[in-house]
Amino acid sequence: MIVSNNTIEIPRLHLLGVGSLETKALKHNVLLALQELGLNVILEEIEAFERLMEYDISGIPALAVGEEVVLEKEIPSVDALKDLLKPIFSPANNGNSAEEL
């Protein structure tokens, strides 16, 4: 969790893609990784071209933490995603379940 102005904000991941099989596979693996880590993180899907362009990515699918792109044009395994996400979110979380927006 992130505390800002005395309110608790749930961290957000942004899944950048257009509903392709690759984007769906990345979403599946991300959700499993979050669940296995016990992280309470919102996964927001971004599909609109104008919004995708805001991230300055070279390809999809991509994954961003807030506004920072952490991977693009790949579909890591659940274990690889856990290795990527754990150091980003674990210190700020108390270990709740994953949520999806």
C-alpha atoms as a PDB file:
ATOM      1  CA  MET A   1       0.000   0.000   0.000  1.00  0.00           C
ATOM      2  CA  ILE A   2       1.018   3.571  -0.598  1.00  0.00           C
ATOM      3  CA  VAL A   3      -0.055   6.248   1.845  1.00  0.00           C
ATOM      4  CA  SER A   4      -0.532   9.694   0.336  1.00  0.00           C
ATOM      5  CA  ASN A   5      -2.215  12.673   2.014  1.00  0.00           C
ATOM      6  CA  ASN A   6      -3.442  10.375   4.795  1.00  0.00           C
ATOM      7  CA  THR A   7      -5.246   8.130   2.302  1.00  0.00           C
ATOM      8  CA  ILE A   8      -4.259   4.637   1.274  1.00  0.00           C
ATOM      9  CA  GLU A   9      -3.684   4.114  -2.426  1.00  0.00           C
ATOM     10  CA  ILE A  10      -3.592   0.634  -3.924  1.00  0.00           C
ATOM     11  CA  PRO A  11      -0.650   0.294  -6.335  1.00  0.00           C
ATOM     12  CA  ARG A  12      -1.517  -0.010 -10.020  1.00  0.00           C
ATOM     13  CA  LEU A  13      -0.110  -2.030 -12.850  1.00  0.00           C
ATOM     14  CA  HIS A  14      -1.026  -1.046 -16.376  1.00  0.00           C
ATOM     15  CA  LEU A  15      -1.354  -3.803 -18.961  1.00  0.00           C
ATOM     16  CA  LEU A  16      -0.788  -2.211 -22.348  1.00  0.00           C
ATOM     17  CA  GLY A  17      -2.240  -4.076 -25.300  1.00  0.00           C
ATOM     18  CA  VAL A  18      -5.125  -4.466 -27.706  1.00  0.00           C
ATOM     19  CA  GLY A  19      -6.723  -7.731 -26.655  1.00  0.00           C
ATOM     20  CA  SER A  20      -4.418  -9.964 -28.684  1.00  0.00           C
ATOM     21  CA  LEU A  21      -3.557 -13.506 -27.617  1.00  0.00           C
ATOM     22  CA  GLU A  22      -0.194 -12.220 -26.381  1.00  0.00           C
ATOM     23  CA  THR A  23      -1.843  -9.518 -24.256  1.00  0.00           C
ATOM     24  CA  LYS A  24      -4.271 -12.055 -22.816  1.00  0.00           C
ATOM     25  CA  ALA A  25      -1.387 -14.430 -22.008  1.00  0.00           C
ATOM     26  CA  LEU A  26       0.524 -11.648 -20.241  1.00  0.00           C
ATOM     27  CA  LYS A  27      -2.600 -10.691 -18.275  1.00  0.00           C
ATOM     28  CA  HIS A  28      -3.092 -14.305 -17.208  1.00  0.00           C
ATOM     29  CA  ASN A  29       0.520 -14.629 -16.045  1.00  0.00           C
ATOM     30  CA  VAL A  30       0.472 -11.272 -14.232  1.00  0.00           C
ATOM     31  CA  LEU A  31      -2.724 -12.154 -12.366  1.00  0.00           C
ATOM     32  CA  LEU A  32      -1.273 -15.523 -11.333  1.00  0.00           C
ATOM     33  CA  ALA A  33       1.971 -13.885 -10.187  1.00  0.00           C
ATOM     34  CA  LEU A  34       0.078 -11.306  -8.114  1.00  0.00           C
ATOM     35  CA  GLN A  35      -2.080 -14.014  -6.595  1.00  0.00           C
ATOM     36  CA  GLU A  36       0.880 -16.231  -5.746  1.00  0.00           C
ATOM     37  CA  LEU A  37       2.716 -13.286  -4.175  1.00  0.00           C
ATOM     38  CA  GLY A  38      -0.395 -12.299  -2.251  1.00  0.00           C
ATOM     39  CA  LEU A  39      -0.183  -8.718  -3.495  1.00  0.00           C
ATOM     40  CA  ASN A  40      -3.075  -6.282  -3.478  1.00  0.00           C
ATOM     41  CA  VAL A  41      -2.420  -4.521  -6.778  1.00  0.00           C
ATOM     42  CA  ILE A  42      -4.928  -3.218  -9.316  1.00  0.00           C
ATOM     43  CA  LEU A  43      -4.333  -4.365 -12.887  1.00  0.00           C
ATOM     44  CA  GLU A  44      -5.715  -1.776 -15.290  1.00  0.00           C
ATOM     45  CA  GLU A  45      -5.934  -2.678 -18.962  1.00  0.00           C
ATOM     46  CA  ILE A  46      -5.119   0.082 -21.420  1.00  0.00           C
ATOM     47  CA  GLU A  47      -6.184  -0.550 -25.015  1.00  0.00           C
ATOM     48  CA  ALA A  48      -6.951   2.874 -26.497  1.00  0.00           C
ATOM     49  CA  PHE A  49      -4.283   3.858 -29.029  1.00  0.00           C
ATOM     50  CA  GLU A  50      -4.013   7.404 -27.661  1.00  0.00           C
ATOM     51  CA  ARG A  51      -3.358   6.097 -24.143  1.00  0.00           C
ATOM     52  CA  LEU A  52      -0.885   3.486 -25.382  1.00  0.00           C
ATOM     53  CA  MET A  53       1.118   6.210 -27.108  1.00  0.00           C
ATOM     54  CA  GLU A  54       1.501   8.051 -23.793  1.00  0.00           C
ATOM     55  CA  TYR A  55       3.811   5.264 -22.625  1.00  0.00           C
ATOM     56  CA  ASP A  56       6.364   5.601 -25.452  1.00  0.00           C
ATOM     57  CA  ILE A  57       6.527   1.838 -26.002  1.00  0.00           C
ATOM     58  CA  SER A  58       7.989   0.122 -29.041  1.00  0.00           C
ATOM     59  CA  GLY A  59       5.557  -2.782 -29.000  1.00  0.00           C
ATOM     60  CA  ILE A  60       2.866  -4.665 -27.146  1.00  0.00           C
ATOM     61  CA  PRO A  61       2.087  -6.353 -24.914  1.00  0.00           C
ATOM     62  CA  ALA A  62       3.729  -4.202 -22.291  1.00  0.00           C
ATOM     63  CA  LEU A  63       3.465  -3.760 -18.554  1.00  0.00           C
ATOM     64  CA  ALA A  64       3.904  -0.521 -16.620  1.00  0.00           C
ATOM     65  CA  VAL A  65       4.101   0.216 -12.924  1.00  0.00           C
ATOM     66  CA  GLY A  66       2.387   3.558 -12.652  1.00  0.00           C
ATOM     67  CA  GLU A  67       3.801   5.363 -15.670  1.00  0.00           C
ATOM     68  CA  GLU A  68       7.108   3.431 -15.838  1.00  0.00           C
ATOM     69  CA  VAL A  69       7.261   0.640 -18.421  1.00  0.00           C
ATOM     70  CA  VAL A  70       8.899  -2.443 -16.883  1.00  0.00           C
ATOM     71  CA  LEU A  71       8.585  -4.801 -19.849  1.00  0.00           C
ATOM     72  CA  GLU A  72       7.418  -4.799 -23.437  1.00  0.00           C
ATOM     73  CA  LYS A  73       7.092  -7.203 -26.355  1.00  0.00           C
ATOM     74  CA  GLU A  74       7.456 -10.261 -24.147  1.00  0.00           C
ATOM     75  CA  ILE A  75       5.385 -12.667 -22.097  1.00  0.00           C
ATOM     76  CA  PRO A  76       7.429 -13.705 -19.080  1.00  0.00           C
ATOM     77  CA  SER A  77       6.586 -16.820 -17.109  1.00  0.00           C
ATOM     78  CA  VAL A  78       4.701 -16.505 -13.835  1.00  0.00           C
ATOM     79  CA  ASP A  79       7.942 -17.096 -11.917  1.00  0.00           C
ATOM     80  CA  ALA A  80       9.785 -14.417 -13.906  1.00  0.00           C
ATOM     81  CA  LEU A  81       6.942 -11.964 -13.244  1.00  0.00           C
ATOM     82  CA  LYS A  82       7.069 -12.798  -9.544  1.00  0.00           C
ATOM     83  CA  ASP A  83      10.794 -12.000  -9.576  1.00  0.00           C
ATOM     84  CA  LEU A  84      10.038  -8.695 -11.319  1.00  0.00           C
ATOM     85  CA  LEU A  85       7.057  -7.645  -9.186  1.00  0.00           C
ATOM     86  CA  LYS A  86       8.096  -8.791  -5.725  1.00  0.00           C
ATOM     87  CA  PRO A  87      10.799  -6.144  -5.142  1.00  0.00           C
ATOM     88  CA  ILE A  88       8.556  -3.431  -6.584  1.00  0.00           C
ATOM     89  CA  PHE A  89       5.474  -4.127  -4.463  1.00  0.00           C
ATOM     90  CA  SER A  90       6.351  -6.333  -1.502  1.00  0.00           C
ATOM     91  CA  PRO A  91       7.890  -3.671   0.762  1.00  0.00           C
ATOM     92  CA  ALA A  92       4.819  -1.461   0.296  1.00  0.00           C
ATOM     93  CA  ASN A  93       2.213  -4.202   0.801  1.00  0.00           C
ATOM     94  CA  ASN A  94       0.985  -6.247   3.707  1.00  0.00           C
ATOM     95  CA  GLY A  95       0.237  -9.281   1.532  1.00  0.00           C
ATOM     96  CA  ASN A  96      -3.366  -9.105   0.395  1.00  0.00           C
ATOM     97  CA  SER A  97      -4.949 -10.745  -2.613  1.00  0.00           C
ATOM     98  CA  ALA A  98      -4.727  -9.425  -6.155  1.00  0.00           C
ATOM     99  CA  GLU A  99      -7.513  -7.317  -7.613  1.00  0.00           C
ATOM    100  CA  GLU A 100      -8.417  -6.475 -11.165  1.00  0.00           C
ATOM    101  CA  LEU A 101     -10.010  -3.272 -12.425  1.00  0.00           C
END
